[in-house]
Amino acid sequence: MLGPRRHAAYDQDQVLIEAGDILVMYTDGLIDRRGHDIEKALAQTEQLIIGWQAHTSLREACQRLTTTLAPPPRDDDVCVLAVTFR
């Protein structure tokens, strides 16, 4: 867990992961920008990830995600990590 808060309560759940599934994690700098609606950014993030093509490398997909949602100049750091399960 990244960025846990002391004395915070977190839910636990299980997800069935199958071959070919992609896990995408990102920092808040990707979607939380001054003057932008975070709910809209979350929806846009979801749509962009759903639209990833099988022939596109994850590196390229993450770069497109970053430049689309958080183009420079940035006020916050942005990190996107994506892994494909085999």
N, C-alpha and C. Protein backbone atom coordinates (compact mmCIF):
# COMPACT_ATOMS: atom_id res chain seq x y z
N MET A 1 0.84 -1.16 0.00
CA MET A 1 0.00 0.00 0.00
C MET A 1 0.89 1.23 0.00
N LEU A 2 0.62 2.13 -0.91
CA LEU A 2 1.37 3.37 -0.98
C LEU A 2 0.59 4.47 -0.27
N GLY A 3 1.30 5.26 0.48
CA GLY A 3 0.70 6.42 1.14
C GLY A 3 -0.34 6.11 2.19
N PRO A 4 -0.14 5.08 3.03
CA PRO A 4 -1.14 4.79 4.06
C PRO A 4 -1.15 5.90 5.11
N ARG A 5 -2.30 6.06 5.72
CA ARG A 5 -2.44 7.04 6.79
C ARG A 5 -2.59 6.31 8.11
N ARG A 6 -1.95 6.83 9.10
CA ARG A 6 -2.03 6.24 10.43
C ARG A 6 -3.48 6.28 10.92
N HIS A 7 -3.93 5.19 11.48
CA HIS A 7 -5.26 5.04 12.06
C HIS A 7 -6.40 5.10 11.03
N ALA A 8 -6.09 4.95 9.77
CA ALA A 8 -7.15 4.93 8.75
C ALA A 8 -7.67 3.52 8.58
N ALA A 9 -8.92 3.39 8.21
CA ALA A 9 -9.53 2.08 7.97
C ALA A 9 -9.57 1.84 6.46
N TYR A 10 -9.14 0.67 6.04
CA TYR A 10 -9.12 0.32 4.63
C TYR A 10 -9.90 -0.97 4.42
N ASP A 11 -10.67 -1.02 3.36
CA ASP A 11 -11.40 -2.23 3.01
C ASP A 11 -10.48 -3.20 2.29
N GLN A 12 -10.77 -4.48 2.43
CA GLN A 12 -10.05 -5.51 1.70
C GLN A 12 -11.03 -6.25 0.82
N ASP A 13 -10.56 -6.68 -0.33
CA ASP A 13 -11.40 -7.42 -1.25
C ASP A 13 -10.50 -8.34 -2.07
N GLN A 14 -11.10 -9.23 -2.80
CA GLN A 14 -10.35 -10.13 -3.67
C GLN A 14 -10.88 -9.98 -5.09
N VAL A 15 -9.97 -10.11 -6.04
CA VAL A 15 -10.32 -10.02 -7.44
C VAL A 15 -9.68 -11.20 -8.15
N LEU A 16 -10.45 -11.86 -9.01
CA LEU A 16 -9.92 -12.95 -9.80
C LEU A 16 -9.15 -12.36 -10.97
N ILE A 17 -7.87 -12.68 -11.06
CA ILE A 17 -7.02 -12.17 -12.14
C ILE A 17 -6.77 -13.30 -13.12
N GLU A 18 -6.98 -13.00 -14.39
CA GLU A 18 -6.78 -13.98 -15.44
C GLU A 18 -5.66 -13.54 -16.37
N ALA A 19 -5.13 -14.49 -17.12
CA ALA A 19 -4.08 -14.18 -18.09
C ALA A 19 -4.59 -13.10 -19.05
N GLY A 20 -3.75 -12.11 -19.29
CA GLY A 20 -4.11 -11.02 -20.18
C GLY A 20 -4.68 -9.81 -19.47
N ASP A 21 -5.08 -9.96 -18.21
CA ASP A 21 -5.59 -8.82 -17.44
C ASP A 21 -4.46 -7.83 -17.20
N ILE A 22 -4.82 -6.56 -17.11
CA ILE A 22 -3.85 -5.49 -16.87
C ILE A 22 -4.22 -4.77 -15.59
N LEU A 23 -3.24 -4.59 -14.72
CA LEU A 23 -3.41 -3.81 -13.50
C LEU A 23 -2.74 -2.46 -13.73
N VAL A 24 -3.49 -1.38 -13.51
CA VAL A 24 -2.96 -0.03 -13.70
C VAL A 24 -3.04 0.71 -12.37
N MET A 25 -1.92 1.25 -11.94
CA MET A 25 -1.86 2.06 -10.72
C MET A 25 -1.25 3.41 -11.09
N TYR A 26 -1.72 4.45 -10.40
CA TYR A 26 -1.19 5.78 -10.70
C TYR A 26 -1.28 6.66 -9.46
N THR A 27 -0.45 7.68 -9.46
CA THR A 27 -0.47 8.64 -8.36
C THR A 27 -1.57 9.67 -8.60
N ASP A 28 -1.91 10.39 -7.56
CA ASP A 28 -2.99 11.37 -7.66
C ASP A 28 -2.67 12.51 -8.62
N GLY A 29 -1.41 12.71 -8.92
CA GLY A 29 -1.02 13.77 -9.84
C GLY A 29 -1.58 13.57 -11.24
N LEU A 30 -1.98 12.35 -11.57
CA LEU A 30 -2.55 12.07 -12.89
C LEU A 30 -3.95 12.65 -13.01
N ILE A 31 -4.74 12.58 -11.95
CA ILE A 31 -6.15 12.97 -12.04
C ILE A 31 -6.54 14.18 -11.20
N ASP A 32 -5.72 14.56 -10.24
CA ASP A 32 -6.07 15.64 -9.31
C ASP A 32 -5.28 16.89 -9.67
N ARG A 33 -5.88 17.72 -10.52
CA ARG A 33 -5.21 18.94 -10.97
C ARG A 33 -6.08 20.14 -10.63
N ARG A 34 -5.43 21.22 -10.24
CA ARG A 34 -6.16 22.45 -9.89
C ARG A 34 -7.04 22.90 -11.05
N GLY A 35 -8.27 23.23 -10.71
CA GLY A 35 -9.18 23.75 -11.72
C GLY A 35 -9.83 22.69 -12.59
N HIS A 36 -9.59 21.40 -12.29
CA HIS A 36 -10.17 20.32 -13.07
C HIS A 36 -11.04 19.44 -12.17
N ASP A 37 -12.12 18.94 -12.70
CA ASP A 37 -13.05 18.08 -11.97
C ASP A 37 -12.46 16.68 -11.85
N ILE A 38 -12.21 16.23 -10.61
CA ILE A 38 -11.57 14.93 -10.39
C ILE A 38 -12.48 13.77 -10.84
N GLU A 39 -13.79 13.91 -10.68
CA GLU A 39 -14.70 12.85 -11.12
C GLU A 39 -14.65 12.69 -12.64
N LYS A 40 -14.57 13.81 -13.33
CA LYS A 40 -14.46 13.78 -14.79
C LYS A 40 -13.13 13.14 -15.19
N ALA A 41 -12.07 13.47 -14.46
CA ALA A 41 -10.75 12.90 -14.75
C ALA A 41 -10.73 11.39 -14.51
N LEU A 42 -11.41 10.93 -13.44
CA LEU A 42 -11.50 9.49 -13.18
C LEU A 42 -12.23 8.77 -14.31
N ALA A 43 -13.33 9.36 -14.76
CA ALA A 43 -14.10 8.76 -15.86
C ALA A 43 -13.28 8.73 -17.14
N GLN A 44 -12.55 9.80 -17.41
CA GLN A 44 -11.71 9.85 -18.61
C GLN A 44 -10.58 8.83 -18.52
N THR A 45 -10.00 8.69 -17.34
CA THR A 45 -8.94 7.70 -17.13
C THR A 45 -9.46 6.31 -17.42
N GLU A 46 -10.63 6.00 -16.89
CA GLU A 46 -11.23 4.68 -17.12
C GLU A 46 -11.46 4.43 -18.61
N GLN A 47 -12.01 5.41 -19.30
CA GLN A 47 -12.28 5.24 -20.73
C GLN A 47 -11.00 5.07 -21.54
N LEU A 48 -9.97 5.82 -21.19
CA LEU A 48 -8.70 5.70 -21.91
C LEU A 48 -8.09 4.32 -21.70
N ILE A 49 -8.14 3.81 -20.47
CA ILE A 49 -7.57 2.49 -20.18
C ILE A 49 -8.38 1.40 -20.87
N ILE A 50 -9.70 1.50 -20.84
CA ILE A 50 -10.55 0.52 -21.52
C ILE A 50 -10.22 0.49 -23.01
N GLY A 51 -9.86 1.63 -23.56
CA GLY A 51 -9.57 1.73 -24.99
C GLY A 51 -8.18 1.27 -25.40
N TRP A 52 -7.36 0.86 -24.43
CA TRP A 52 -6.02 0.39 -24.80
C TRP A 52 -6.13 -0.78 -25.76
N GLN A 53 -5.31 -0.75 -26.79
CA GLN A 53 -5.30 -1.80 -27.81
C GLN A 53 -4.26 -2.86 -27.45
N ALA A 54 -4.54 -4.10 -27.80
CA ALA A 54 -3.65 -5.21 -27.47
C ALA A 54 -2.27 -5.06 -28.11
N HIS A 55 -2.21 -4.42 -29.27
CA HIS A 55 -0.93 -4.29 -29.96
C HIS A 55 -0.09 -3.11 -29.46
N THR A 56 -0.66 -2.26 -28.61
CA THR A 56 0.07 -1.12 -28.07
C THR A 56 0.85 -1.55 -26.83
N SER A 57 2.11 -1.15 -26.75
CA SER A 57 2.92 -1.50 -25.58
C SER A 57 2.39 -0.75 -24.36
N LEU A 58 2.55 -1.35 -23.19
CA LEU A 58 2.11 -0.68 -21.97
C LEU A 58 2.87 0.62 -21.75
N ARG A 59 4.13 0.62 -22.13
CA ARG A 59 4.93 1.85 -21.98
C ARG A 59 4.30 2.98 -22.79
N GLU A 60 3.97 2.69 -24.04
CA GLU A 60 3.35 3.70 -24.89
C GLU A 60 1.97 4.10 -24.37
N ALA A 61 1.20 3.13 -23.90
CA ALA A 61 -0.13 3.41 -23.37
C ALA A 61 -0.05 4.31 -22.14
N CYS A 62 0.90 4.03 -21.25
CA CYS A 62 1.08 4.85 -20.04
C CYS A 62 1.52 6.26 -20.40
N GLN A 63 2.39 6.38 -21.40
CA GLN A 63 2.84 7.71 -21.83
C GLN A 63 1.67 8.51 -22.40
N ARG A 64 0.83 7.86 -23.20
CA ARG A 64 -0.34 8.54 -23.76
C ARG A 64 -1.31 8.96 -22.66
N LEU A 65 -1.50 8.09 -21.70
CA LEU A 65 -2.38 8.40 -20.57
C LEU A 65 -1.88 9.63 -19.83
N THR A 66 -0.59 9.67 -19.57
CA THR A 66 0.02 10.79 -18.85
C THR A 66 -0.07 12.09 -19.64
N THR A 67 0.27 12.05 -20.91
CA THR A 67 0.25 13.29 -21.69
C THR A 67 -1.17 13.78 -21.97
N THR A 68 -2.13 12.86 -22.00
CA THR A 68 -3.52 13.26 -22.21
C THR A 68 -4.13 13.88 -20.96
N LEU A 69 -3.92 13.24 -19.82
CA LEU A 69 -4.57 13.67 -18.58
C LEU A 69 -3.77 14.71 -17.79
N ALA A 70 -2.46 14.67 -17.90
CA ALA A 70 -1.63 15.58 -17.10
C ALA A 70 -0.50 16.14 -17.95
N PRO A 71 -0.85 16.92 -18.96
CA PRO A 71 0.19 17.49 -19.81
C PRO A 71 1.02 18.53 -19.05
N PRO A 72 2.28 18.69 -19.43
CA PRO A 72 3.10 19.72 -18.79
C PRO A 72 2.53 21.10 -19.10
N PRO A 73 2.79 22.08 -18.27
CA PRO A 73 3.54 21.99 -17.02
C PRO A 73 2.67 21.39 -15.92
N ARG A 74 3.31 20.69 -15.01
CA ARG A 74 2.60 20.00 -13.93
C ARG A 74 2.96 20.63 -12.58
N ASP A 75 1.97 20.63 -11.68
CA ASP A 75 2.19 21.09 -10.31
C ASP A 75 2.52 19.94 -9.37
N ASP A 76 2.34 18.71 -9.85
CA ASP A 76 2.51 17.53 -9.01
C ASP A 76 3.23 16.45 -9.81
N ASP A 77 3.82 15.51 -9.09
CA ASP A 77 4.46 14.39 -9.77
C ASP A 77 3.38 13.46 -10.33
N VAL A 78 3.73 12.76 -11.40
CA VAL A 78 2.82 11.81 -12.02
C VAL A 78 3.57 10.52 -12.25
N CYS A 79 2.99 9.43 -11.78
CA CYS A 79 3.58 8.11 -12.00
C CYS A 79 2.46 7.15 -12.38
N VAL A 80 2.67 6.40 -13.45
CA VAL A 80 1.71 5.39 -13.89
C VAL A 80 2.47 4.08 -14.01
N LEU A 81 1.91 3.03 -13.42
CA LEU A 81 2.51 1.70 -13.48
C LEU A 81 1.44 0.74 -13.99
N ALA A 82 1.76 0.00 -15.05
CA ALA A 82 0.82 -0.98 -15.60
C ALA A 82 1.55 -2.30 -15.79
N VAL A 83 0.88 -3.39 -15.41
CA VAL A 83 1.46 -4.73 -15.58
C VAL A 83 0.41 -5.64 -16.21
N THR A 84 0.88 -6.51 -17.09
CA THR A 84 0.01 -7.51 -17.71
C THR A 84 0.28 -8.85 -17.04
N PHE A 85 -0.78 -9.54 -16.68
CA PHE A 85 -0.64 -10.86 -16.07
C PHE A 85 -0.63 -11.92 -17.16
N ARG A 86 0.26 -12.88 -17.00
CA ARG A 86 0.38 -13.96 -18.00
C ARG A 86 0.11 -15.28 -17.36
